[in-house]
Amino acid sequence: MSDDEKFDGVLLNMATQLDGGVPELLEKMFSFLARKTDFYTGGQKGESEKMILSKFRKHEKVALEKQAQLKAEREEEERRRQERIKKKKEEEEKAKDEPKIKELTDEEADKLQKELEKKKSEPESSATENGTGDKTKDGEGKEDKKSDDEEEDEDAKGKIKPNFGNGADLEKYSWTQTLSELEVMIPLNVNFPVKSKDLVVQMEKKHVKVALKGHPAIIDGELQHDIKLEESTWTIEDRKAVKLFFEKVNKMEWWSQVVTTDPEINTKKVQPENSKLSDLDGETRGIVEKMMYDQRQRELGLPTSEDAKKKDIMDK
């Protein structure tokens, strides 16, 4: 933990207890300096003001650079998301235009014929040859496959399909996610431009609350997983909405809900962001690539890596 982060807990605790937010927090701090220190009187005239401006400009520069970086990352993420949507639509249109019955070329027909002849020439399983009629291998394989499908269907029961951002569009807000972060957009149905003083926003490691002052909370509940509080923030969008940014502690799991009272999404249907695989370490990238492969196989109705592994075991 850096020296800057050492007292974050104390300051956050103060900020959440003061109804006036940041202005009241600054009021208390400057009052403390005036009452308990010689900050204003211990040096030459104007020196304390110069010190305050120096520190303000230093941290203002850091905050603006971080905001610009986050904005650029969000814009890039949105651009990639739009590209995925466009690509998916193009693939769907292409699939519609393709004929249902495809004519084979001579080369493809010869290849198919050879494969069929090869399968015919292969000996039957030992169970069929010895006349026992033991179908344990095929039976178990089908049973395992059926069991897996039923288990997957059971897991997905009652869960909603993710939106294009791997999150959900709920009644009061919508959210999206990547493996490393989560974004929540909360529209505020008011007829005036919203300012920070009109809001109550409390973010903790495992809890979040967002409300308009004098109104019931829009979100107030336990987060599904822990967040990195020092890397998480919130902004006001167009003075009509609040946007929350959560940095995940565990960057190897998909959230199925923001708070534990939300409806869950089916995380088996998420679309991993493959354009950032190069940023991951070798082990993590391998896991993500496996997730992507299994997702594509399910969409095509083909065996996943686990299915293939089970088949190899049964064949042996």
C-alpha atoms as a PDB file:
ATOM      1  CA  MET A   1       0.000   0.000   0.000  1.00  0.00           C
ATOM      2  CA  SER A   2       1.418   3.428  -0.990  1.00  0.00           C
ATOM      3  CA  ASP A   3       1.677   6.357   1.438  1.00  0.00           C
ATOM      4  CA  ASP A   4      -1.149   8.101  -0.451  1.00  0.00           C
ATOM      5  CA  GLU A   5      -3.475   5.142   0.182  1.00  0.00           C
ATOM      6  CA  LYS A   6      -2.593   4.703   3.856  1.00  0.00           C
ATOM      7  CA  PHE A   7      -5.259   7.106   5.115  1.00  0.00           C
ATOM      8  CA  ASP A   8      -7.894   6.476   2.423  1.00  0.00           C
ATOM      9  CA  GLY A   9     -10.052   4.533   4.874  1.00  0.00           C
ATOM     10  CA  VAL A  10     -10.091   7.386   7.401  1.00  0.00           C
ATOM     11  CA  LEU A  11     -10.854  10.046   4.775  1.00  0.00           C
ATOM     12  CA  LEU A  12     -13.539   7.919   3.104  1.00  0.00           C
ATOM     13  CA  ASN A  13     -15.144   7.335   6.470  1.00  0.00           C
ATOM     14  CA  MET A  14     -15.180  11.089   7.091  1.00  0.00           C
ATOM     15  CA  ALA A  15     -16.576  11.841   3.625  1.00  0.00           C
ATOM     16  CA  THR A  16     -19.427   9.352   3.975  1.00  0.00           C
ATOM     17  CA  GLN A  17     -20.415  10.745   7.391  1.00  0.00           C
ATOM     18  CA  LEU A  18     -20.537  14.381   6.203  1.00  0.00           C
ATOM     19  CA  ASP A  19     -23.798  15.313   4.479  1.00  0.00           C
ATOM     20  CA  GLY A  20     -22.115  18.171   2.616  1.00  0.00           C
ATOM     21  CA  GLY A  21     -19.756  15.875   0.742  1.00  0.00           C
ATOM     22  CA  VAL A  22     -16.378  17.215  -0.458  1.00  0.00           C
ATOM     23  CA  PRO A  23     -17.030  20.918   0.403  1.00  0.00           C
ATOM     24  CA  GLU A  24     -17.790  20.003   4.023  1.00  0.00           C
ATOM     25  CA  LEU A  25     -14.782  17.663   4.127  1.00  0.00           C
ATOM     26  CA  LEU A  26     -12.511  20.536   3.028  1.00  0.00           C
ATOM     27  CA  GLU A  27     -14.224  22.818   5.563  1.00  0.00           C
ATOM     28  CA  LYS A  28     -13.370  20.399   8.391  1.00  0.00           C
ATOM     29  CA  MET A  29      -9.774  19.982   7.224  1.00  0.00           C
ATOM     30  CA  PHE A  30      -9.069  23.724   6.945  1.00  0.00           C
ATOM     31  CA  SER A  31     -10.825  24.274  10.285  1.00  0.00           C
ATOM     32  CA  PHE A  32      -8.507  21.672  11.837  1.00  0.00           C
ATOM     33  CA  LEU A  33      -5.445  23.425  10.388  1.00  0.00           C
ATOM     34  CA  ALA A  34      -6.611  26.781  11.749  1.00  0.00           C
ATOM     35  CA  ARG A  35      -7.476  25.492  15.239  1.00  0.00           C
ATOM     36  CA  LYS A  36      -4.787  22.907  15.890  1.00  0.00           C
ATOM     37  CA  THR A  37      -1.751  24.027  13.853  1.00  0.00           C
ATOM     38  CA  ASP A  38       0.158  27.172  12.852  1.00  0.00           C
ATOM     39  CA  PHE A  39      -0.485  26.486   9.163  1.00  0.00           C
ATOM     40  CA  TYR A  40      -1.846  29.973   8.486  1.00  0.00           C
ATOM     41  CA  THR A  41       0.441  31.922  10.823  1.00  0.00           C
ATOM     42  CA  GLY A  42       3.701  29.981  11.011  1.00  0.00           C
ATOM     43  CA  GLY A  43       5.254  31.220   7.769  1.00  0.00           C
ATOM     44  CA  GLN A  44       5.475  34.302   5.625  1.00  0.00           C
ATOM     45  CA  LYS A  45       2.291  35.920   4.360  1.00  0.00           C
ATOM     46  CA  GLY A  46       0.824  34.046   1.394  1.00  0.00           C
ATOM     47  CA  GLU A  47       3.069  31.000   1.872  1.00  0.00           C
ATOM     48  CA  SER A  48       0.232  28.739   3.062  1.00  0.00           C
ATOM     49  CA  GLU A  49      -1.890  29.743   0.057  1.00  0.00           C
ATOM     50  CA  LYS A  50       0.976  28.938  -2.325  1.00  0.00           C
ATOM     51  CA  MET A  51       1.378  25.550  -0.672  1.00  0.00           C
ATOM     52  CA  ILE A  52      -2.334  24.762  -1.100  1.00  0.00           C
ATOM     53  CA  LEU A  53      -2.317  25.812  -4.773  1.00  0.00           C
ATOM     54  CA  SER A  54       0.831  23.778  -5.408  1.00  0.00           C
ATOM     55  CA  LYS A  55      -0.691  20.592  -3.971  1.00  0.00           C
ATOM     56  CA  PHE A  56      -4.025  21.286  -5.697  1.00  0.00           C
ATOM     57  CA  ARG A  57      -2.433  21.663  -9.133  1.00  0.00           C
ATOM     58  CA  LYS A  58      -0.270  18.579  -8.650  1.00  0.00           C
ATOM     59  CA  HIS A  59      -3.201  16.299  -7.876  1.00  0.00           C
ATOM     60  CA  GLU A  60      -5.522  18.033 -10.339  1.00  0.00           C
ATOM     61  CA  LYS A  61      -3.072  17.080 -13.100  1.00  0.00           C
ATOM     62  CA  VAL A  62      -3.027  13.441 -11.920  1.00  0.00           C
ATOM     63  CA  ALA A  63      -6.845  13.300 -11.744  1.00  0.00           C
ATOM     64  CA  LEU A  64      -7.296  14.836 -15.208  1.00  0.00           C
ATOM     65  CA  GLU A  65      -4.762  12.464 -16.762  1.00  0.00           C
ATOM     66  CA  LYS A  66      -6.471   9.474 -15.169  1.00  0.00           C
ATOM     67  CA  GLN A  67      -9.893  10.691 -16.306  1.00  0.00           C
ATOM     68  CA  ALA A  68      -8.603  11.140 -19.865  1.00  0.00           C
ATOM     69  CA  GLN A  69      -7.100   7.654 -19.803  1.00  0.00           C
ATOM     70  CA  LEU A  70     -10.337   6.097 -18.520  1.00  0.00           C
ATOM     71  CA  LYS A  71     -12.350   7.988 -21.141  1.00  0.00           C
ATOM     72  CA  ALA A  72     -10.032   6.786 -23.918  1.00  0.00           C
ATOM     73  CA  GLU A  73     -10.267   3.191 -22.663  1.00  0.00           C
ATOM     74  CA  ARG A  74     -14.076   3.383 -22.474  1.00  0.00           C
ATOM     75  CA  GLU A  75     -14.284   4.840 -25.982  1.00  0.00           C
ATOM     76  CA  GLU A  76     -12.009   2.093 -27.289  1.00  0.00           C
ATOM     77  CA  GLU A  77     -14.091  -0.524 -25.482  1.00  0.00           C
ATOM     78  CA  GLU A  78     -17.278   0.930 -26.966  1.00  0.00           C
ATOM     79  CA  ARG A  79     -15.700   0.974 -30.441  1.00  0.00           C
ATOM     80  CA  ARG A  80     -14.760  -2.694 -30.114  1.00  0.00           C
ATOM     81  CA  ARG A  81     -18.216  -3.534 -28.811  1.00  0.00           C
ATOM     82  CA  GLN A  82     -19.823  -1.831 -31.800  1.00  0.00           C
ATOM     83  CA  GLU A  83     -17.470  -3.716 -34.117  1.00  0.00           C
ATOM     84  CA  ARG A  84     -18.518  -7.008 -32.502  1.00  0.00           C
ATOM     85  CA  ILE A  85     -22.188  -6.122 -32.916  1.00  0.00           C
ATOM     86  CA  LYS A  86     -21.642  -5.137 -36.557  1.00  0.00           C
ATOM     87  CA  LYS A  87     -19.641  -8.298 -37.271  1.00  0.00           C
ATOM     88  CA  LYS A  88     -22.279 -10.488 -35.644  1.00  0.00           C
ATOM     89  CA  LYS A  89     -25.044  -8.855 -37.678  1.00  0.00           C
ATOM     90  CA  GLU A  90     -23.029  -9.299 -40.880  1.00  0.00           C
ATOM     91  CA  GLU A  91     -22.499 -12.973 -40.079  1.00  0.00           C
ATOM     92  CA  GLU A  92     -26.230 -13.420 -39.409  1.00  0.00           C
ATOM     93  CA  GLU A  93     -27.115 -11.722 -42.709  1.00  0.00           C
ATOM     94  CA  LYS A  94     -24.549 -13.831 -44.527  1.00  0.00           C
ATOM     95  CA  ALA A  95     -25.983 -16.991 -42.968  1.00  0.00           C
ATOM     96  CA  LYS A  96     -29.479 -15.996 -44.145  1.00  0.00           C
ATOM     97  CA  ASP A  97     -28.257 -15.454 -47.711  1.00  0.00           C
ATOM     98  CA  GLU A  98     -26.437 -18.791 -47.930  1.00  0.00           C
ATOM     99  CA  PRO A  99     -28.425 -21.611 -49.551  1.00  0.00           C
ATOM    100  CA  LYS A 100     -29.653 -24.329 -47.201  1.00  0.00           C
ATOM    101  CA  ILE A 101     -28.428 -27.055 -49.585  1.00  0.00           C
ATOM    102  CA  LYS A 102     -24.869 -26.523 -50.700  1.00  0.00           C
ATOM    103  CA  GLU A 103     -23.613 -28.234 -53.827  1.00  0.00           C
ATOM    104  CA  LEU A 104     -20.323 -30.063 -53.327  1.00  0.00           C
ATOM    105  CA  THR A 105     -17.411 -29.714 -55.713  1.00  0.00           C
ATOM    106  CA  ASP A 106     -15.971 -32.870 -57.290  1.00  0.00           C
ATOM    107  CA  GLU A 107     -13.000 -32.683 -54.938  1.00  0.00           C
ATOM    108  CA  GLU A 108     -15.225 -32.372 -51.862  1.00  0.00           C
ATOM    109  CA  ALA A 109     -17.448 -35.228 -53.082  1.00  0.00           C
ATOM    110  CA  ASP A 110     -14.416 -37.540 -53.548  1.00  0.00           C
ATOM    111  CA  LYS A 111     -13.133 -36.665 -50.091  1.00  0.00           C
ATOM    112  CA  LEU A 112     -16.537 -37.348 -48.508  1.00  0.00           C
ATOM    113  CA  GLN A 113     -16.840 -40.681 -50.352  1.00  0.00           C
ATOM    114  CA  LYS A 114     -13.399 -41.807 -49.121  1.00  0.00           C
ATOM    115  CA  GLU A 115     -14.311 -40.936 -45.540  1.00  0.00           C
ATOM    116  CA  LEU A 116     -17.548 -42.932 -45.792  1.00  0.00           C
ATOM    117  CA  GLU A 117     -15.726 -45.952 -47.234  1.00  0.00           C
ATOM    118  CA  LYS A 118     -13.089 -45.711 -44.507  1.00  0.00           C
ATOM    119  CA  LYS A 119     -15.750 -45.725 -41.786  1.00  0.00           C
ATOM    120  CA  LYS A 120     -17.444 -48.761 -43.369  1.00  0.00           C
ATOM    121  CA  SER A 121     -14.167 -50.684 -43.461  1.00  0.00           C
ATOM    122  CA  GLU A 122     -13.366 -50.021 -39.799  1.00  0.00           C
ATOM    123  CA  PRO A 123     -14.100 -53.036 -37.544  1.00  0.00           C
ATOM    124  CA  GLU A 124     -17.057 -52.910 -35.183  1.00  0.00           C
ATOM    125  CA  SER A 125     -16.400 -52.467 -31.473  1.00  0.00           C
ATOM    126  CA  SER A 126     -15.327 -55.610 -29.563  1.00  0.00           C
ATOM    127  CA  ALA A 127     -18.686 -55.653 -27.795  1.00  0.00           C
ATOM    128  CA  THR A 128     -20.527 -56.081 -31.092  1.00  0.00           C
ATOM    129  CA  GLU A 129     -18.050 -58.701 -32.401  1.00  0.00           C
ATOM    130  CA  ASN A 130     -18.386 -61.010 -29.406  1.00  0.00           C
ATOM    131  CA  GLY A 131     -22.183 -60.828 -29.644  1.00  0.00           C
ATOM    132  CA  THR A 132     -22.693 -59.594 -26.092  1.00  0.00           C
ATOM    133  CA  GLY A 133     -24.450 -56.499 -27.360  1.00  0.00           C
ATOM    134  CA  ASP A 134     -22.684 -54.482 -24.643  1.00  0.00           C
ATOM    135  CA  LYS A 135     -23.312 -50.831 -25.494  1.00  0.00           C
ATOM    136  CA  THR A 136     -21.721 -49.455 -22.392  1.00  0.00           C
ATOM    137  CA  LYS A 137     -19.305 -47.210 -24.258  1.00  0.00           C
ATOM    138  CA  ASP A 138     -21.837 -45.455 -26.476  1.00  0.00           C
ATOM    139  CA  GLY A 139     -24.484 -45.550 -23.782  1.00  0.00           C
ATOM    140  CA  GLU A 140     -22.255 -43.979 -21.172  1.00  0.00           C
ATOM    141  CA  GLY A 141     -21.028 -41.372 -23.633  1.00  0.00           C
ATOM    142  CA  LYS A 142     -24.569 -40.370 -24.523  1.00  0.00           C
ATOM    143  CA  GLU A 143     -25.615 -40.464 -20.899  1.00  0.00           C
ATOM    144  CA  ASP A 144     -22.706 -38.266 -19.890  1.00  0.00           C
ATOM    145  CA  LYS A 145     -23.469 -35.846 -22.704  1.00  0.00           C
ATOM    146  CA  LYS A 146     -27.141 -35.754 -21.745  1.00  0.00           C
ATOM    147  CA  SER A 147     -26.207 -35.267 -18.120  1.00  0.00           C
ATOM    148  CA  ASP A 148     -23.917 -32.344 -19.003  1.00  0.00           C
ATOM    149  CA  ASP A 149     -26.610 -30.703 -21.141  1.00  0.00           C
ATOM    150  CA  GLU A 150     -29.177 -31.122 -18.381  1.00  0.00           C
ATOM    151  CA  GLU A 151     -26.746 -29.698 -15.848  1.00  0.00           C
ATOM    152  CA  GLU A 152     -26.053 -26.693 -18.090  1.00  0.00           C
ATOM    153  CA  ASP A 153     -29.775 -26.144 -18.637  1.00  0.00           C
ATOM    154  CA  GLU A 154     -30.326 -26.429 -14.880  1.00  0.00           C
ATOM    155  CA  ASP A 155     -27.642 -23.803 -14.237  1.00  0.00           C
ATOM    156  CA  ALA A 156     -29.171 -21.464 -16.813  1.00  0.00           C
ATOM    157  CA  LYS A 157     -32.708 -21.821 -15.480  1.00  0.00           C
ATOM    158  CA  GLY A 158     -34.106 -18.468 -14.373  1.00  0.00           C
ATOM    159  CA  LYS A 159     -31.046 -16.562 -15.627  1.00  0.00           C
ATOM    160  CA  ILE A 160     -31.185 -13.896 -18.336  1.00  0.00           C
ATOM    161  CA  LYS A 161     -29.087 -13.674 -21.484  1.00  0.00           C
ATOM    162  CA  PRO A 162     -26.218 -11.125 -21.263  1.00  0.00           C
ATOM    163  CA  ASN A 163     -26.463  -7.910 -23.262  1.00  0.00           C
ATOM    164  CA  PHE A 164     -23.800  -7.009 -25.825  1.00  0.00           C
ATOM    165  CA  GLY A 165     -21.569  -5.728 -23.022  1.00  0.00           C
ATOM    166  CA  ASN A 166     -21.671  -9.026 -21.080  1.00  0.00           C
ATOM    167  CA  GLY A 167     -23.961  -7.462 -18.478  1.00  0.00           C
ATOM    168  CA  ALA A 168     -27.690  -6.796 -18.233  1.00  0.00           C
ATOM    169  CA  ASP A 169     -30.266  -4.096 -18.971  1.00  0.00           C
ATOM    170  CA  LEU A 170     -32.373  -3.876 -15.818  1.00  0.00           C
ATOM    171  CA  GLU A 171     -35.362  -1.735 -14.884  1.00  0.00           C
ATOM    172  CA  LYS A 172     -33.428   0.912 -12.958  1.00  0.00           C
ATOM    173  CA  TYR A 173     -30.005   0.681 -14.587  1.00  0.00           C
ATOM    174  CA  SER A 174     -27.841  -1.237 -17.024  1.00  0.00           C
ATOM    175  CA  TRP A 175     -24.348  -2.637 -16.635  1.00  0.00           C
ATOM    176  CA  THR A 176     -21.516  -4.073 -18.722  1.00  0.00           C
ATOM    177  CA  GLN A 177     -18.242  -5.786 -17.863  1.00  0.00           C
ATOM    178  CA  THR A 178     -14.872  -7.043 -19.021  1.00  0.00           C
ATOM    179  CA  LEU A 179     -12.742  -9.524 -17.100  1.00  0.00           C
ATOM    180  CA  SER A 180     -11.030  -6.653 -15.264  1.00  0.00           C
ATOM    181  CA  GLU A 181     -13.734  -4.030 -14.693  1.00  0.00           C
ATOM    182  CA  LEU A 182     -17.446  -3.378 -14.481  1.00  0.00           C
ATOM    183  CA  GLU A 183     -19.453  -0.312 -15.529  1.00  0.00           C
ATOM    184  CA  VAL A 184     -22.934   0.648 -14.261  1.00  0.00           C
ATOM    185  CA  MET A 185     -25.078   3.325 -15.956  1.00  0.00           C
ATOM    186  CA  ILE A 186     -27.916   4.727 -13.819  1.00  0.00           C
ATOM    187  CA  PRO A 187     -30.346   7.143 -15.533  1.00  0.00           C
ATOM    188  CA  LEU A 188     -31.872   9.739 -13.190  1.00  0.00           C
ATOM    189  CA  ASN A 189     -35.481  10.493 -14.055  1.00  0.00           C
ATOM    190  CA  VAL A 190     -35.485  14.148 -12.993  1.00  0.00           C
ATOM    191  CA  ASN A 191     -36.326  17.403 -14.784  1.00  0.00           C
ATOM    192  CA  PHE A 192     -33.290  19.375 -13.560  1.00  0.00           C
ATOM    193  CA  PRO A 193     -29.517  19.140 -14.195  1.00  0.00           C
ATOM    194  CA  VAL A 194     -28.041  16.930 -11.487  1.00  0.00           C
ATOM    195  CA  LYS A 195     -24.991  18.011  -9.478  1.00  0.00           C
ATOM    196  CA  SER A 196     -22.872  16.013  -7.064  1.00  0.00           C
ATOM    197  CA  LYS A 197     -24.499  17.766  -4.093  1.00  0.00           C
ATOM    198  CA  ASP A 198     -27.855  16.277  -5.177  1.00  0.00           C
ATOM    199  CA  LEU A 199     -26.537  12.726  -4.854  1.00  0.00           C
ATOM    200  CA  VAL A 200     -25.618  10.185  -2.213  1.00  0.00           C
ATOM    201  CA  VAL A 201     -22.967   7.837  -3.621  1.00  0.00           C
ATOM    202  CA  GLN A 202     -21.293   5.395  -1.243  1.00  0.00           C
ATOM    203  CA  MET A 203     -18.810   2.844  -2.586  1.00  0.00           C
ATOM    204  CA  GLU A 204     -17.241   0.224  -0.346  1.00  0.00           C
ATOM    205  CA  LYS A 205     -15.261  -2.922  -1.046  1.00  0.00           C
ATOM    206  CA  LYS A 206     -18.387  -5.117  -0.958  1.00  0.00           C
ATOM    207  CA  HIS A 207     -21.258  -2.599  -0.919  1.00  0.00           C
ATOM    208  CA  VAL A 208     -22.662   0.215  -3.048  1.00  0.00           C
ATOM    209  CA  LYS A 209     -25.392   2.791  -2.558  1.00  0.00           C
ATOM    210  CA  VAL A 210     -26.631   5.398  -5.042  1.00  0.00           C
ATOM    211  CA  ALA A 211     -29.571   7.712  -4.361  1.00  0.00           C
ATOM    212  CA  LEU A 212     -30.941  11.167  -5.049  1.00  0.00           C
ATOM    213  CA  LYS A 213     -31.108  13.082  -1.795  1.00  0.00           C
ATOM    214  CA  GLY A 214     -34.584  12.836  -0.334  1.00  0.00           C
ATOM    215  CA  HIS A 215     -35.497   9.865  -2.563  1.00  0.00           C
ATOM    216  CA  PRO A 216     -35.329   6.077  -2.067  1.00  0.00           C
ATOM    217  CA  ALA A 217     -32.013   4.499  -3.074  1.00  0.00           C
ATOM    218  CA  ILE A 218     -31.710   3.332  -6.684  1.00  0.00           C
ATOM    219  CA  ILE A 219     -29.023   0.823  -5.693  1.00  0.00           C
ATOM    220  CA  ASP A 220     -28.328  -0.188  -2.118  1.00  0.00           C
ATOM    221  CA  GLY A 221     -26.922  -3.636  -1.593  1.00  0.00           C
ATOM    222  CA  GLU A 222     -24.029  -6.046  -1.253  1.00  0.00           C
ATOM    223  CA  LEU A 223     -21.831  -6.415  -4.330  1.00  0.00           C
ATOM    224  CA  GLN A 224     -21.516  -9.921  -5.718  1.00  0.00           C
ATOM    225  CA  HIS A 225     -17.714  -9.770  -5.500  1.00  0.00           C
ATOM    226  CA  ASP A 226     -15.039  -7.491  -4.015  1.00  0.00           C
ATOM    227  CA  ILE A 227     -13.831  -4.379  -5.852  1.00  0.00           C
ATOM    228  CA  LYS A 228     -10.591  -2.384  -5.630  1.00  0.00           C
ATOM    229  CA  LEU A 229     -11.920   0.700  -3.903  1.00  0.00           C
ATOM    230  CA  GLU A 230      -8.918   2.912  -4.721  1.00  0.00           C
ATOM    231  CA  GLU A 231      -9.306   2.166  -8.462  1.00  0.00           C
ATOM    232  CA  SER A 232     -13.098   2.530  -8.562  1.00  0.00           C
ATOM    233  CA  THR A 233     -14.872   5.824  -9.159  1.00  0.00           C
ATOM    234  CA  TRP A 234     -18.095   7.488 -10.364  1.00  0.00           C
ATOM    235  CA  THR A 235     -19.060  10.392 -12.619  1.00  0.00           C
ATOM    236  CA  ILE A 236     -22.160  12.348 -13.657  1.00  0.00           C
ATOM    237  CA  GLU A 237     -23.035  11.861 -17.338  1.00  0.00           C
ATOM    238  CA  ASP A 238     -24.687  14.836 -19.115  1.00  0.00           C
ATOM    239  CA  ARG A 239     -26.133  15.864 -15.706  1.00  0.00           C
ATOM    240  CA  LYS A 240     -28.816  13.213 -16.248  1.00  0.00           C
ATOM    241  CA  ALA A 241     -27.176   9.962 -15.184  1.00  0.00           C
ATOM    242  CA  VAL A 242     -24.610   8.466 -12.817  1.00  0.00           C
ATOM    243  CA  LYS A 243     -21.928   6.134 -14.116  1.00  0.00           C
ATOM    244  CA  LEU A 244     -20.050   3.829 -11.725  1.00  0.00           C
ATOM    245  CA  PHE A 245     -16.698   2.208 -12.545  1.00  0.00           C
ATOM    246  CA  PHE A 246     -15.665  -0.850 -10.523  1.00  0.00           C
ATOM    247  CA  GLU A 247     -12.189  -2.367 -10.755  1.00  0.00           C
ATOM    248  CA  LYS A 248     -12.491  -6.076 -10.009  1.00  0.00           C
ATOM    249  CA  VAL A 249     -10.239  -7.712  -7.418  1.00  0.00           C
ATOM    250  CA  ASN A 250     -10.516 -11.091  -9.153  1.00  0.00           C
ATOM    251  CA  LYS A 251      -9.866 -10.522 -12.857  1.00  0.00           C
ATOM    252  CA  MET A 252     -10.543 -14.164 -13.730  1.00  0.00           C
ATOM    253  CA  GLU A 253     -14.297 -14.300 -13.157  1.00  0.00           C
ATOM    254  CA  TRP A 254     -17.420 -12.951 -14.809  1.00  0.00           C
ATOM    255  CA  TRP A 255     -19.997 -11.343 -12.533  1.00  0.00           C
ATOM    256  CA  SER A 256     -23.528 -12.662 -12.950  1.00  0.00           C
ATOM    257  CA  GLN A 257     -25.043  -9.663 -11.108  1.00  0.00           C
ATOM    258  CA  VAL A 258     -23.943  -6.306  -9.671  1.00  0.00           C
ATOM    259  CA  VAL A 259     -25.637  -6.604  -6.280  1.00  0.00           C
ATOM    260  CA  THR A 260     -26.881  -9.861  -4.837  1.00  0.00           C
ATOM    261  CA  THR A 261     -30.548  -8.847  -5.175  1.00  0.00           C
ATOM    262  CA  ASP A 262     -30.288  -8.394  -8.972  1.00  0.00           C
ATOM    263  CA  PRO A 263     -31.456 -10.990 -11.511  1.00  0.00           C
ATOM    264  CA  GLU A 264     -28.511 -13.139 -12.620  1.00  0.00           C
ATOM    265  CA  ILE A 265     -27.166 -13.399 -16.154  1.00  0.00           C
ATOM    266  CA  ASN A 266     -26.013 -16.696 -17.654  1.00  0.00           C
ATOM    267  CA  THR A 267     -22.235 -16.227 -17.590  1.00  0.00           C
ATOM    268  CA  LYS A 268     -21.800 -19.175 -19.974  1.00  0.00           C
ATOM    269  CA  LYS A 269     -23.195 -16.910 -22.681  1.00  0.00           C
ATOM    270  CA  VAL A 270     -20.720 -14.029 -22.252  1.00  0.00           C
ATOM    271  CA  GLN A 271     -18.480 -13.054 -25.163  1.00  0.00           C
ATOM    272  CA  PRO A 272     -14.866 -12.687 -23.940  1.00  0.00           C
ATOM    273  CA  GLU A 273     -12.964  -9.713 -25.311  1.00  0.00           C
ATOM    274  CA  ASN A 274     -10.280 -11.381 -27.432  1.00  0.00           C
ATOM    275  CA  SER A 275      -8.606  -8.143 -28.537  1.00  0.00           C
ATOM    276  CA  LYS A 276      -6.922  -7.754 -25.132  1.00  0.00           C
ATOM    277  CA  LEU A 277      -5.518 -11.268 -24.808  1.00  0.00           C
ATOM    278  CA  SER A 278      -2.009  -9.992 -25.500  1.00  0.00           C
ATOM    279  CA  ASP A 279      -2.160  -7.971 -22.252  1.00  0.00           C
ATOM    280  CA  LEU A 280      -2.646 -11.118 -20.135  1.00  0.00           C
ATOM    281  CA  ASP A 281       0.026 -13.420 -18.739  1.00  0.00           C
ATOM    282  CA  GLY A 282       0.476 -16.860 -20.281  1.00  0.00           C
ATOM    283  CA  GLU A 283      -1.597 -18.829 -17.773  1.00  0.00           C
ATOM    284  CA  THR A 284      -4.471 -16.338 -17.744  1.00  0.00           C
ATOM    285  CA  ARG A 285      -4.498 -16.094 -21.528  1.00  0.00           C
ATOM    286  CA  GLY A 286      -4.703 -19.888 -21.778  1.00  0.00           C
ATOM    287  CA  ILE A 287      -7.756 -19.970 -19.515  1.00  0.00           C
ATOM    288  CA  VAL A 288      -9.484 -17.158 -21.439  1.00  0.00           C
ATOM    289  CA  GLU A 289      -8.726 -18.808 -24.795  1.00  0.00           C
ATOM    290  CA  LYS A 290     -10.224 -22.064 -23.459  1.00  0.00           C
ATOM    291  CA  MET A 291     -13.356 -20.147 -22.379  1.00  0.00           C
ATOM    292  CA  MET A 292     -13.641 -18.601 -25.842  1.00  0.00           C
ATOM    293  CA  TYR A 293     -13.149 -21.961 -27.562  1.00  0.00           C
ATOM    294  CA  ASP A 294     -15.802 -23.659 -25.414  1.00  0.00           C
ATOM    295  CA  GLN A 295     -18.208 -20.770 -26.043  1.00  0.00           C
ATOM    296  CA  ARG A 296     -17.804 -21.073 -29.829  1.00  0.00           C
ATOM    297  CA  GLN A 297     -18.223 -24.857 -29.662  1.00  0.00           C
ATOM    298  CA  ARG A 298     -21.493 -24.535 -27.699  1.00  0.00           C
ATOM    299  CA  GLU A 299     -22.848 -22.009 -30.208  1.00  0.00           C
ATOM    300  CA  LEU A 300     -22.044 -24.407 -33.076  1.00  0.00           C
ATOM    301  CA  GLY A 301     -23.472 -27.414 -31.210  1.00  0.00           C
ATOM    302  CA  LEU A 302     -20.036 -29.084 -31.116  1.00  0.00           C
ATOM    303  CA  PRO A 303     -18.200 -30.784 -28.204  1.00  0.00           C
ATOM    304  CA  THR A 304     -16.403 -28.501 -25.760  1.00  0.00           C
ATOM    305  CA  SER A 305     -12.874 -29.229 -24.513  1.00  0.00           C
ATOM    306  CA  GLU A 306     -14.356 -31.043 -21.498  1.00  0.00           C
ATOM    307  CA  ASP A 307     -16.610 -33.118 -23.759  1.00  0.00           C
ATOM    308  CA  ALA A 308     -13.622 -34.065 -25.934  1.00  0.00           C
ATOM    309  CA  LYS A 309     -11.624 -35.032 -22.846  1.00  0.00           C
ATOM    310  CA  LYS A 310     -14.439 -37.278 -21.599  1.00  0.00           C
ATOM    311  CA  LYS A 311     -14.745 -38.901 -25.025  1.00  0.00           C
ATOM    312  CA  ASP A 312     -11.012 -39.668 -25.079  1.00  0.00           C
ATOM    313  CA  ILE A 313     -11.277 -41.292 -21.652  1.00  0.00           C
ATOM    314  CA  MET A 314     -14.270 -43.373 -22.740  1.00  0.00           C
ATOM    315  CA  ASP A 315     -12.491 -44.426 -25.967  1.00  0.00           C
ATOM    316  CA  LYS A 316      -9.465 -45.589 -23.971  1.00  0.00           C
END
